[in-house]
PDB file of N, CA and C in Angstrom:
ATOM      1  N   UNK A   1     -23.660 -68.317   2.375  1.00  0.00           N
ATOM      2  CA  UNK A   1     -23.576 -68.284   0.852  1.00  0.00           C
ATOM      3  C   UNK A   1     -24.159 -66.942   0.560  1.00  0.00           C
ATOM      4  N   UNK A   2     -25.079 -66.240   1.333  1.00  0.00           N
ATOM      5  CA  UNK A   2     -25.596 -65.054   0.997  1.00  0.00           C
ATOM      6  C   UNK A   2     -24.527 -64.094   1.436  1.00  0.00           C
ATOM      7  N   UNK A   3     -23.709 -64.252   2.452  1.00  0.00           N
ATOM      8  CA  UNK A   3     -22.833 -63.357   2.967  1.00  0.00           C
ATOM      9  C   UNK A   3     -21.652 -63.215   1.829  1.00  0.00           C
ATOM     10  N   UNK A   4     -21.375 -64.221   1.312  1.00  0.00           N
ATOM     11  CA  UNK A   4     -20.184 -64.152   0.357  1.00  0.00           C
ATOM     12  C   UNK A   4     -20.716 -63.270  -0.807  1.00  0.00           C
ATOM     13  N   UNK A   5     -21.932 -63.272  -1.434  1.00  0.00           N
ATOM     14  CA  UNK A   5     -22.385 -62.417  -2.473  1.00  0.00           C
ATOM     15  C   UNK A   5     -22.260 -60.961  -1.980  1.00  0.00           C
ATOM     16  N   UNK A   6     -22.709 -60.625  -0.823  1.00  0.00           N
ATOM     17  CA  UNK A   6     -22.733 -59.358  -0.265  1.00  0.00           C
ATOM     18  C   UNK A   6     -21.391 -58.827  -0.064  1.00  0.00           C
ATOM     19  N   UNK A   7     -20.464 -59.645   0.668  1.00  0.00           N
ATOM     20  CA  UNK A   7     -19.120 -59.246   0.717  1.00  0.00           C
ATOM     21  C   UNK A   7     -18.448 -58.899  -0.520  1.00  0.00           C
ATOM     22  N   UNK A   8     -18.674 -59.785  -1.400  1.00  0.00           N
ATOM     23  CA  UNK A   8     -18.090 -59.636  -2.940  1.00  0.00           C
ATOM     24  C   UNK A   8     -18.523 -58.317  -3.467  1.00  0.00           C
ATOM     25  N   UNK A   9     -19.799 -57.798  -3.378  1.00  0.00           N
ATOM     26  CA  UNK A   9     -20.208 -56.651  -3.909  1.00  0.00           C
ATOM     27  C   UNK A   9     -19.757 -55.480  -3.040  1.00  0.00           C
ATOM     28  N   UNK A  10     -19.591 -55.639  -1.759  1.00  0.00           N
ATOM     29  CA  UNK A  10     -19.350 -54.500  -0.831  1.00  0.00           C
ATOM     30  C   UNK A  10     -17.832 -54.059  -0.844  1.00  0.00           C
ATOM     31  N   UNK A  11     -16.960 -55.224  -1.081  1.00  0.00           N
ATOM     32  CA  UNK A  11     -15.553 -54.974  -0.836  1.00  0.00           C
ATOM     33  C   UNK A  11     -14.995 -54.043  -1.997  1.00  0.00           C
ATOM     34  N   UNK A  12     -15.327 -54.125  -3.296  1.00  0.00           N
ATOM     35  CA  UNK A  12     -15.030 -53.110  -4.230  1.00  0.00           C
ATOM     36  C   UNK A  12     -15.414 -51.648  -3.909  1.00  0.00           C
ATOM     37  N   UNK A  13     -16.715 -51.519  -3.272  1.00  0.00           N
ATOM     38  CA  UNK A  13     -17.066 -50.300  -2.861  1.00  0.00           C
ATOM     39  C   UNK A  13     -16.259 -49.721  -1.786  1.00  0.00           C
ATOM     40  N   UNK A  14     -15.903 -50.407  -0.799  1.00  0.00           N
ATOM     41  CA  UNK A  14     -15.075 -50.125   0.397  1.00  0.00           C
ATOM     42  C   UNK A  14     -13.620 -49.596  -0.341  1.00  0.00           C
ATOM     43  N   UNK A  15     -13.130 -50.325  -1.194  1.00  0.00           N
ATOM     44  CA  UNK A  15     -11.897 -49.973  -1.797  1.00  0.00           C
ATOM     45  C   UNK A  15     -12.042 -48.579  -2.514  1.00  0.00           C
ATOM     46  N   UNK A  16     -13.013 -48.295  -3.204  1.00  0.00           N
ATOM     47  CA  UNK A  16     -13.361 -47.066  -3.879  1.00  0.00           C
ATOM     48  C   UNK A  16     -13.471 -45.969  -2.831  1.00  0.00           C
ATOM     49  N   UNK A  17     -14.206 -46.375  -1.797  1.00  0.00           N
ATOM     50  CA  UNK A  17     -14.460 -45.262  -0.700  1.00  0.00           C
ATOM     51  C   UNK A  17     -12.921 -44.957  -0.034  1.00  0.00           C
ATOM     52  N   UNK A  18     -12.232 -45.879   0.214  1.00  0.00           N
ATOM     53  CA  UNK A  18     -10.785 -45.710   0.637  1.00  0.00           C
ATOM     54  C   UNK A  18     -10.057 -44.933  -0.311  1.00  0.00           C
ATOM     55  N   UNK A  19     -10.143 -44.994  -1.533  1.00  0.00           N
ATOM     56  CA  UNK A  19      -9.398 -44.352  -2.415  1.00  0.00           C
ATOM     57  C   UNK A  19      -9.939 -42.885  -2.517  1.00  0.00           C
ATOM     58  N   UNK A  20     -11.383 -42.716  -2.439  1.00  0.00           N
ATOM     59  CA  UNK A  20     -11.949 -41.367  -2.508  1.00  0.00           C
ATOM     60  C   UNK A  20     -11.599 -40.573  -1.206  1.00  0.00           C
ATOM     61  N   UNK A  21     -11.571 -41.186  -0.187  1.00  0.00           N
ATOM     62  CA  UNK A  21     -11.034 -40.583   1.099  1.00  0.00           C
ATOM     63  C   UNK A  21      -9.650 -39.979   0.942  1.00  0.00           C
ATOM     64  N   UNK A  22      -8.707 -41.017   0.454  1.00  0.00           N
ATOM     65  CA  UNK A  22      -7.307 -40.572   0.344  1.00  0.00           C
ATOM     66  C   UNK A  22      -7.332 -39.341  -0.678  1.00  0.00           C
ATOM     67  N   UNK A  23      -8.002 -39.368  -1.665  1.00  0.00           N
ATOM     68  CA  UNK A  23      -8.039 -38.413  -2.643  1.00  0.00           C
ATOM     69  C   UNK A  23      -8.528 -37.086  -2.209  1.00  0.00           C
ATOM     70  N   UNK A  24      -9.634 -37.149  -1.309  1.00  0.00           N
ATOM     71  CA  UNK A  24     -10.179 -35.944  -0.681  1.00  0.00           C
ATOM     72  C   UNK A  24      -9.218 -35.319   0.379  1.00  0.00           C
ATOM     73  N   UNK A  25      -8.405 -36.105   1.092  1.00  0.00           N
ATOM     74  CA  UNK A  25      -7.584 -35.775   2.101  1.00  0.00           C
ATOM     75  C   UNK A  25      -6.250 -34.958   1.246  1.00  0.00           C
ATOM     76  N   UNK A  26      -5.916 -35.656   0.187  1.00  0.00           N
ATOM     77  CA  UNK A  26      -4.780 -34.970  -0.612  1.00  0.00           C
ATOM     78  C   UNK A  26      -5.366 -33.660  -1.265  1.00  0.00           C
ATOM     79  N   UNK A  27      -6.543 -33.757  -1.618  1.00  0.00           N
ATOM     80  CA  UNK A  27      -7.185 -32.311  -2.200  1.00  0.00           C
ATOM     81  C   UNK A  27      -7.242 -31.264  -1.155  1.00  0.00           C
ATOM     82  N   UNK A  28      -7.679 -31.727   0.068  1.00  0.00           N
ATOM     83  CA  UNK A  28      -7.930 -30.736   1.197  1.00  0.00           C
ATOM     84  C   UNK A  28      -6.529 -30.167   1.616  1.00  0.00           C
ATOM     85  N   UNK A  29      -5.549 -30.934   1.496  1.00  0.00           N
ATOM     86  CA  UNK A  29      -4.217 -30.503   1.884  1.00  0.00           C
ATOM     87  C   UNK A  29      -3.881 -29.485   0.844  1.00  0.00           C
ATOM     88  N   UNK A  30      -3.938 -29.733  -0.390  1.00  0.00           N
ATOM     89  CA  UNK A  30      -3.467 -28.792  -1.380  1.00  0.00           C
ATOM     90  C   UNK A  30      -4.371 -27.432  -1.385  1.00  0.00           C
ATOM     91  N   UNK A  31      -5.633 -27.777  -1.055  1.00  0.00           N
ATOM     92  CA  UNK A  31      -6.547 -26.493  -0.733  1.00  0.00           C
ATOM     93  C   UNK A  31      -6.060 -25.592   0.372  1.00  0.00           C
ATOM     94  N   UNK A  32      -5.678 -26.331   1.483  1.00  0.00           N
ATOM     95  CA  UNK A  32      -5.101 -25.572   2.541  1.00  0.00           C
ATOM     96  C   UNK A  32      -3.986 -24.735   2.363  1.00  0.00           C
ATOM     97  N   UNK A  33      -3.025 -25.333   1.505  1.00  0.00           N
ATOM     98  CA  UNK A  33      -1.760 -24.865   1.086  1.00  0.00           C
ATOM     99  C   UNK A  33      -2.117 -23.621   0.162  1.00  0.00           C
ATOM    100  N   UNK A  34      -3.075 -23.785  -0.827  1.00  0.00           N
ATOM    101  CA  UNK A  34      -3.347 -22.663  -1.678  1.00  0.00           C
ATOM    102  C   UNK A  34      -3.997 -21.568  -0.879  1.00  0.00           C
ATOM    103  N   UNK A  35      -4.919 -21.958   0.177  1.00  0.00           N
ATOM    104  CA  UNK A  35      -5.415 -20.758   0.921  1.00  0.00           C
ATOM    105  C   UNK A  35      -4.413 -20.062   1.637  1.00  0.00           C
ATOM    106  N   UNK A  36      -3.394 -20.879   2.123  1.00  0.00           N
ATOM    107  CA  UNK A  36      -2.363 -20.056   2.980  1.00  0.00           C
ATOM    108  C   UNK A  36      -1.636 -19.231   1.892  1.00  0.00           C
ATOM    109  N   UNK A  37      -1.258 -19.657   0.729  1.00  0.00           N
ATOM    110  CA  UNK A  37      -0.539 -18.818  -0.159  1.00  0.00           C
ATOM    111  C   UNK A  37      -1.340 -17.615  -0.585  1.00  0.00           C
ATOM    112  N   UNK A  38      -2.683 -17.897  -0.773  1.00  0.00           N
ATOM    113  CA  UNK A  38      -3.539 -16.695  -1.061  1.00  0.00           C
ATOM    114  C   UNK A  38      -3.652 -15.694   0.184  1.00  0.00           C
ATOM    115  N   UNK A  39      -3.677 -16.180   1.382  1.00  0.00           N
ATOM    116  CA  UNK A  39      -3.622 -15.259   2.435  1.00  0.00           C
ATOM    117  C   UNK A  39      -2.261 -14.452   2.581  1.00  0.00           C
ATOM    118  N   UNK A  40      -1.035 -15.103   2.196  1.00  0.00           N
ATOM    119  CA  UNK A  40       0.158 -14.396   2.169  1.00  0.00           C
ATOM    120  C   UNK A  40       0.184 -13.398   1.134  1.00  0.00           C
ATOM    121  N   UNK A  41      -0.377 -13.558   0.051  1.00  0.00           N
ATOM    122  CA  UNK A  41      -0.450 -12.827  -1.059  1.00  0.00           C
ATOM    123  C   UNK A  41      -1.371 -11.497  -0.717  1.00  0.00           C
ATOM    124  N   UNK A  42      -2.415 -11.821  -0.187  1.00  0.00           N
ATOM    125  CA  UNK A  42      -3.582 -10.760   0.351  1.00  0.00           C
ATOM    126  C   UNK A  42      -2.797  -9.853   1.520  1.00  0.00           C
ATOM    127  N   UNK A  43      -2.092 -10.526   2.357  1.00  0.00           N
ATOM    128  CA  UNK A  43      -1.350  -9.656   3.388  1.00  0.00           C
ATOM    129  C   UNK A  43      -0.391  -8.732   2.656  1.00  0.00           C
ATOM    130  N   UNK A  44       0.468  -9.299   1.597  1.00  0.00           N
ATOM    131  CA  UNK A  44       1.458  -8.436   0.972  1.00  0.00           C
ATOM    132  C   UNK A  44       0.739  -7.442   0.133  1.00  0.00           C
ATOM    133  N   UNK A  45      -0.459  -7.586  -0.347  1.00  0.00           N
ATOM    134  CA  UNK A  45      -1.194  -6.537  -1.157  1.00  0.00           C
ATOM    135  C   UNK A  45      -1.659  -5.524  -0.119  1.00  0.00           C
ATOM    136  N   UNK A  46      -2.130  -5.840   1.069  1.00  0.00           N
ATOM    137  CA  UNK A  46      -2.570  -4.984   2.027  1.00  0.00           C
ATOM    138  C   UNK A  46      -1.468  -4.097   2.667  1.00  0.00           C
ATOM    139  N   UNK A  47      -0.368  -4.694   2.680  1.00  0.00           N
ATOM    140  CA  UNK A  47       0.805  -3.926   3.130  1.00  0.00           C
ATOM    141  C   UNK A  47       1.291  -2.912   2.109  1.00  0.00           C
ATOM    142  N   UNK A  48       1.265  -3.326   0.827  1.00  0.00           N
ATOM    143  CA  UNK A  48       1.722  -2.395  -0.278  1.00  0.00           C
ATOM    144  C   UNK A  48       0.791  -1.356  -0.544  1.00  0.00           C
ATOM    145  N   UNK A  49      -0.644  -1.627  -0.316  1.00  0.00           N
ATOM    146  CA  UNK A  49      -1.624  -0.493  -0.444  1.00  0.00           C
ATOM    147  C   UNK A  49      -1.356   0.478   0.710  1.00  0.00           C
ATOM    148  N   UNK A  50      -1.070  -0.007   1.931  1.00  0.00           N
ATOM    149  CA  UNK A  50      -0.913   0.949   3.029  1.00  0.00           C
ATOM    150  C   UNK A  50       0.269   1.809   2.694  1.00  0.00           C
ATOM    151  N   UNK A  51       1.312   1.241   2.306  1.00  0.00           N
ATOM    152  CA  UNK A  51       2.735   1.899   1.860  1.00  0.00           C
ATOM    153  C   UNK A  51       2.302   2.978   0.781  1.00  0.00           C
ATOM    154  N   UNK A  52       1.448   2.471  -0.230  1.00  0.00           N
ATOM    155  CA  UNK A  52       1.140   3.337  -1.240  1.00  0.00           C
ATOM    156  C   UNK A  52       0.270   4.589  -0.711  1.00  0.00           C
ATOM    157  N   UNK A  53      -0.653   4.314   0.160  1.00  0.00           N
ATOM    158  CA  UNK A  53      -1.396   5.351   0.667  1.00  0.00           C
ATOM    159  C   UNK A  53      -0.687   6.499   1.554  1.00  0.00           C
ATOM    160  N   UNK A  54       0.254   5.792   2.248  1.00  0.00           N
ATOM    161  CA  UNK A  54       1.217   6.737   2.953  1.00  0.00           C
ATOM    162  C   UNK A  54       2.055   7.553   2.063  1.00  0.00           C
ATOM    163  N   UNK A  55       2.708   6.989   1.046  1.00  0.00           N
ATOM    164  CA  UNK A  55       3.397   7.699   0.186  1.00  0.00           C
ATOM    165  C   UNK A  55       2.611   8.788  -0.665  1.00  0.00           C
ATOM    166  N   UNK A  56       1.331   8.623  -1.003  1.00  0.00           N
ATOM    167  CA  UNK A  56       0.487   9.428  -1.535  1.00  0.00           C
ATOM    168  C   UNK A  56       0.091  10.643  -0.563  1.00  0.00           C
ATOM    169  N   UNK A  57      -0.043  10.353   0.560  1.00  0.00           N
ATOM    170  CA  UNK A  57      -0.401  11.433   1.623  1.00  0.00           C
ATOM    171  C   UNK A  57       0.907  12.299   2.073  1.00  0.00           C
ATOM    172  N   UNK A  58       2.107  11.589   1.877  1.00  0.00           N
ATOM    173  CA  UNK A  58       3.263  12.269   2.101  1.00  0.00           C
ATOM    174  C   UNK A  58       3.498  13.152   0.659  1.00  0.00           C
ATOM    175  N   UNK A  59       3.289  12.827  -0.313  1.00  0.00           N
ATOM    176  CA  UNK A  59       3.489  13.595  -1.552  1.00  0.00           C
ATOM    177  C   UNK A  59       2.612  14.586  -1.597  1.00  0.00           C
ATOM    178  N   UNK A  60       1.203  14.451  -1.108  1.00  0.00           N
ATOM    179  CA  UNK A  60       0.347  15.539  -1.144  1.00  0.00           C
ATOM    180  C   UNK A  60       0.794  16.692   0.019  1.00  0.00           C
ATOM    181  N   UNK A  61       1.252  16.260   1.168  1.00  0.00           N
ATOM    182  CA  UNK A  61       1.708  17.193   2.202  1.00  0.00           C
ATOM    183  C   UNK A  61       3.021  17.952   1.683  1.00  0.00           C
ATOM    184  N   UNK A  62       3.884  17.339   0.805  1.00  0.00           N
ATOM    185  CA  UNK A  62       5.063  18.073   0.396  1.00  0.00           C
ATOM    186  C   UNK A  62       4.653  18.883  -0.767  1.00  0.00           C
ATOM    187  N   UNK A  63       3.643  18.578  -1.501  1.00  0.00           N
ATOM    188  CA  UNK A  63       3.224  19.482  -2.565  1.00  0.00           C
ATOM    189  C   UNK A  63       2.523  20.675  -1.926  1.00  0.00           C
ATOM    190  N   UNK A  64       1.766  20.593  -0.663  1.00  0.00           N
ATOM    191  CA  UNK A  64       1.199  21.626  -0.026  1.00  0.00           C
ATOM    192  C   UNK A  64       2.369  22.627   0.459  1.00  0.00           C
ATOM    193  N   UNK A  65       3.429  21.991   0.902  1.00  0.00           N
ATOM    194  CA  UNK A  65       4.418  22.794   1.493  1.00  0.00           C
ATOM    195  C   UNK A  65       5.336  23.536   0.540  1.00  0.00           C
ATOM    196  N   UNK A  66       5.236  22.911  -0.660  1.00  0.00           N
ATOM    197  CA  UNK A  66       5.984  23.499  -1.792  1.00  0.00           C
ATOM    198  C   UNK A  66       5.211  24.766  -2.176  1.00  0.00           C
ATOM    199  N   UNK A  67       3.896  24.612  -2.200  1.00  0.00           N
ATOM    200  CA  UNK A  67       2.996  25.856  -2.560  1.00  0.00           C
ATOM    201  C   UNK A  67       3.101  26.945  -1.560  1.00  0.00           C
ATOM    202  N   UNK A  68       3.070  26.634  -0.347  1.00  0.00           N
ATOM    203  CA  UNK A  68       3.193  27.512   0.835  1.00  0.00           C
ATOM    204  C   UNK A  68       4.474  28.264   0.740  1.00  0.00           C
ATOM    205  N   UNK A  69       5.625  27.495   0.515  1.00  0.00           N
ATOM    206  CA  UNK A  69       6.903  28.064   0.544  1.00  0.00           C
ATOM    207  C   UNK A  69       7.169  28.916  -0.788  1.00  0.00           C
ATOM    208  N   UNK A  70       6.479  28.556  -1.823  1.00  0.00           N
ATOM    209  CA  UNK A  70       6.594  29.343  -3.115  1.00  0.00           C
ATOM    210  C   UNK A  70       5.949  30.634  -2.780  1.00  0.00           C
ATOM    211  N   UNK A  71       4.811  30.707  -2.204  1.00  0.00           N
ATOM    212  CA  UNK A  71       4.200  31.949  -1.845  1.00  0.00           C
ATOM    213  C   UNK A  71       5.090  32.757  -0.800  1.00  0.00           C
ATOM    214  N   UNK A  72       5.693  32.144   0.102  1.00  0.00           N
ATOM    215  CA  UNK A  72       6.405  32.912   1.028  1.00  0.00           C
ATOM    216  C   UNK A  72       7.669  33.597   0.245  1.00  0.00           C
ATOM    217  N   UNK A  73       8.211  32.763  -0.779  1.00  0.00           N
ATOM    218  CA  UNK A  73       9.396  33.202  -1.386  1.00  0.00           C
ATOM    219  C   UNK A  73       8.917  34.484  -2.340  1.00  0.00           C
ATOM    220  N   UNK A  74       7.853  34.385  -2.896  1.00  0.00           N
ATOM    221  CA  UNK A  74       7.314  35.577  -3.644  1.00  0.00           C
ATOM    222  C   UNK A  74       7.251  36.829  -2.930  1.00  0.00           C
ATOM    223  N   UNK A  75       6.544  36.591  -1.741  1.00  0.00           N
ATOM    224  CA  UNK A  75       6.308  37.608  -0.802  1.00  0.00           C
ATOM    225  C   UNK A  75       7.662  38.258  -0.321  1.00  0.00           C
ATOM    226  N   UNK A  76       8.557  37.445  -0.098  1.00  0.00           N
ATOM    227  CA  UNK A  76       9.906  37.919   0.351  1.00  0.00           C
ATOM    228  C   UNK A  76      10.704  38.672  -0.683  1.00  0.00           C
ATOM    229  N   UNK A  77      10.445  38.199  -1.938  1.00  0.00           N
ATOM    230  CA  UNK A  77      11.109  38.787  -3.089  1.00  0.00           C
ATOM    231  C   UNK A  77      10.555  40.242  -3.194  1.00  0.00           C
ATOM    232  N   UNK A  78       9.281  40.243  -3.119  1.00  0.00           N
ATOM    233  CA  UNK A  78       8.573  41.679  -3.182  1.00  0.00           C
ATOM    234  C   UNK A  78       9.023  42.584  -2.063  1.00  0.00           C
ATOM    235  N   UNK A  79       9.099  42.047  -0.901  1.00  0.00           N
ATOM    236  CA  UNK A  79       9.488  42.760   0.224  1.00  0.00           C
ATOM    237  C   UNK A  79      10.998  43.335   0.032  1.00  0.00           C
ATOM    238  N   UNK A  80      11.855  42.273  -0.493  1.00  0.00           N
ATOM    239  CA  UNK A  80      13.333  42.816  -0.772  1.00  0.00           C
ATOM    240  C   UNK A  80      13.348  43.880  -1.731  1.00  0.00           C
ATOM    241  N   UNK A  81      12.633  43.588  -2.734  1.00  0.00           N
ATOM    242  CA  UNK A  81      12.532  44.481  -3.790  1.00  0.00           C
ATOM    243  C   UNK A  81      12.004  45.883  -3.405  1.00  0.00           C
ATOM    244  N   UNK A  82      10.995  46.024  -2.504  1.00  0.00           N
ATOM    245  CA  UNK A  82      10.617  47.332  -1.952  1.00  0.00           C
ATOM    246  C   UNK A  82      11.639  47.869  -1.085  1.00  0.00           C
ATOM    247  N   UNK A  83      12.240  47.006  -0.128  1.00  0.00           N
ATOM    248  CA  UNK A  83      13.300  47.700   0.661  1.00  0.00           C
ATOM    249  C   UNK A  83      14.433  48.105  -0.077  1.00  0.00           C
ATOM    250  N   UNK A  84      14.820  47.563  -1.276  1.00  0.00           N
ATOM    251  CA  UNK A  84      15.835  48.117  -2.083  1.00  0.00           C
ATOM    252  C   UNK A  84      15.677  49.504  -2.571  1.00  0.00           C
ATOM    253  N   UNK A  85      14.432  49.806  -2.903  1.00  0.00           N
ATOM    254  CA  UNK A  85      14.024  51.262  -3.146  1.00  0.00           C
ATOM    255  C   UNK A  85      14.231  52.135  -1.863  1.00  0.00           C
ATOM    256  N   UNK A  86      13.865  51.671  -0.726  1.00  0.00           N
ATOM    257  CA  UNK A  86      13.971  52.212   0.464  1.00  0.00           C
ATOM    258  C   UNK A  86      15.508  52.665   0.853  1.00  0.00           C
ATOM    259  N   UNK A  87      16.342  51.768   0.510  1.00  0.00           N
ATOM    260  CA  UNK A  87      17.818  51.987   0.821  1.00  0.00           C
ATOM    261  C   UNK A  87      18.155  53.297  -0.007  1.00  0.00           C
ATOM    262  N   UNK A  88      17.831  53.503  -1.248  1.00  0.00           N
ATOM    263  CA  UNK A  88      18.304  54.562  -2.035  1.00  0.00           C
ATOM    264  C   UNK A  88      17.690  55.738  -1.394  1.00  0.00           C
ATOM    265  N   UNK A  89      16.343  55.664  -1.001  1.00  0.00           N
ATOM    266  CA  UNK A  89      15.660  56.859  -0.399  1.00  0.00           C
ATOM    267  C   UNK A  89      16.406  57.336   0.942  1.00  0.00           C
ATOM    268  N   UNK A  90      16.785  56.275   1.761  1.00  0.00           N
ATOM    269  CA  UNK A  90      17.488  56.732   2.983  1.00  0.00           C
ATOM    270  C   UNK A  90      18.857  57.127   2.757  1.00  0.00           C
ATOM    271  N   UNK A  91      19.535  56.697   1.686  1.00  0.00           N
ATOM    272  CA  UNK A  91      20.735  57.256   1.444  1.00  0.00           C
ATOM    273  C   UNK A  91      20.756  58.794   1.000  1.00  0.00           C
ATOM    274  N   UNK A  92      19.648  59.062   0.225  1.00  0.00           N
ATOM    275  CA  UNK A  92      19.353  60.513  -0.207  1.00  0.00           C
ATOM    276  C   UNK A  92      19.085  61.348   1.146  1.00  0.00           C
ATOM    277  N   UNK A  93      18.331  60.776   2.054  1.00  0.00           N
ATOM    278  CA  UNK A  93      18.022  61.567   3.343  1.00  0.00           C
ATOM    279  C   UNK A  93      19.242  61.780   4.119  1.00  0.00           C
ATOM    280  N   UNK A  94      20.154  60.778   4.070  1.00  0.00           N
ATOM    281  CA  UNK A  94      21.368  60.932   4.934  1.00  0.00           C
ATOM    282  C   UNK A  94      22.186  62.032   4.266  1.00  0.00           C
ATOM    283  N   UNK A  95      22.268  62.113   2.890  1.00  0.00           N
ATOM    284  CA  UNK A  95      23.202  63.068   2.227  1.00  0.00           C
ATOM    285  C   UNK A  95      22.405  64.542   2.648  1.00  0.00           C
ATOM    286  N   UNK A  96      21.218  64.633   2.439  1.00  0.00           N
ATOM    287  CA  UNK A  96      20.586  65.812   2.747  1.00  0.00           C
ATOM    288  C   UNK A  96      20.783  66.327   4.197  1.00  0.00           C
ATOM    289  N   UNK A  97      20.834  65.379   5.106  1.00  0.00           N
ATOM    290  CA  UNK A  97      21.007  65.910   6.386  1.00  0.00           C
ATOM    291  C   UNK A  97      22.379  65.917   6.907  1.00  0.00           C
ATOM    292  N   UNK A  98      23.433  65.657   6.124  1.00  0.00           N
ATOM    293  CA  UNK A  98      24.734  65.894   6.539  1.00  0.00           C
ATOM    294  C   UNK A  98      25.293  66.996   5.712  1.00  0.00           C
TER     295      UNK A  98
END
């Protein structure tokens, strides 16, 4: 007689426990899927950051090369300009010597 009352009060609790376990399993599955998606996004962000940093480094290297080549070009133009005057002087010397 006592077992009946105990079983009657325990059975609904067991049913709620089973429902709670099923709900927990479903929630854990959703959590695992969300964590996988988050990891995928974080991996993509890391790849994009790496690509960005490489591009910035390449841009800086190219800017440095532009600066160096601009200086070389200016010096070359000065040299060519200076040699242009030398051409005239050498032509004068040739005339005088011949």
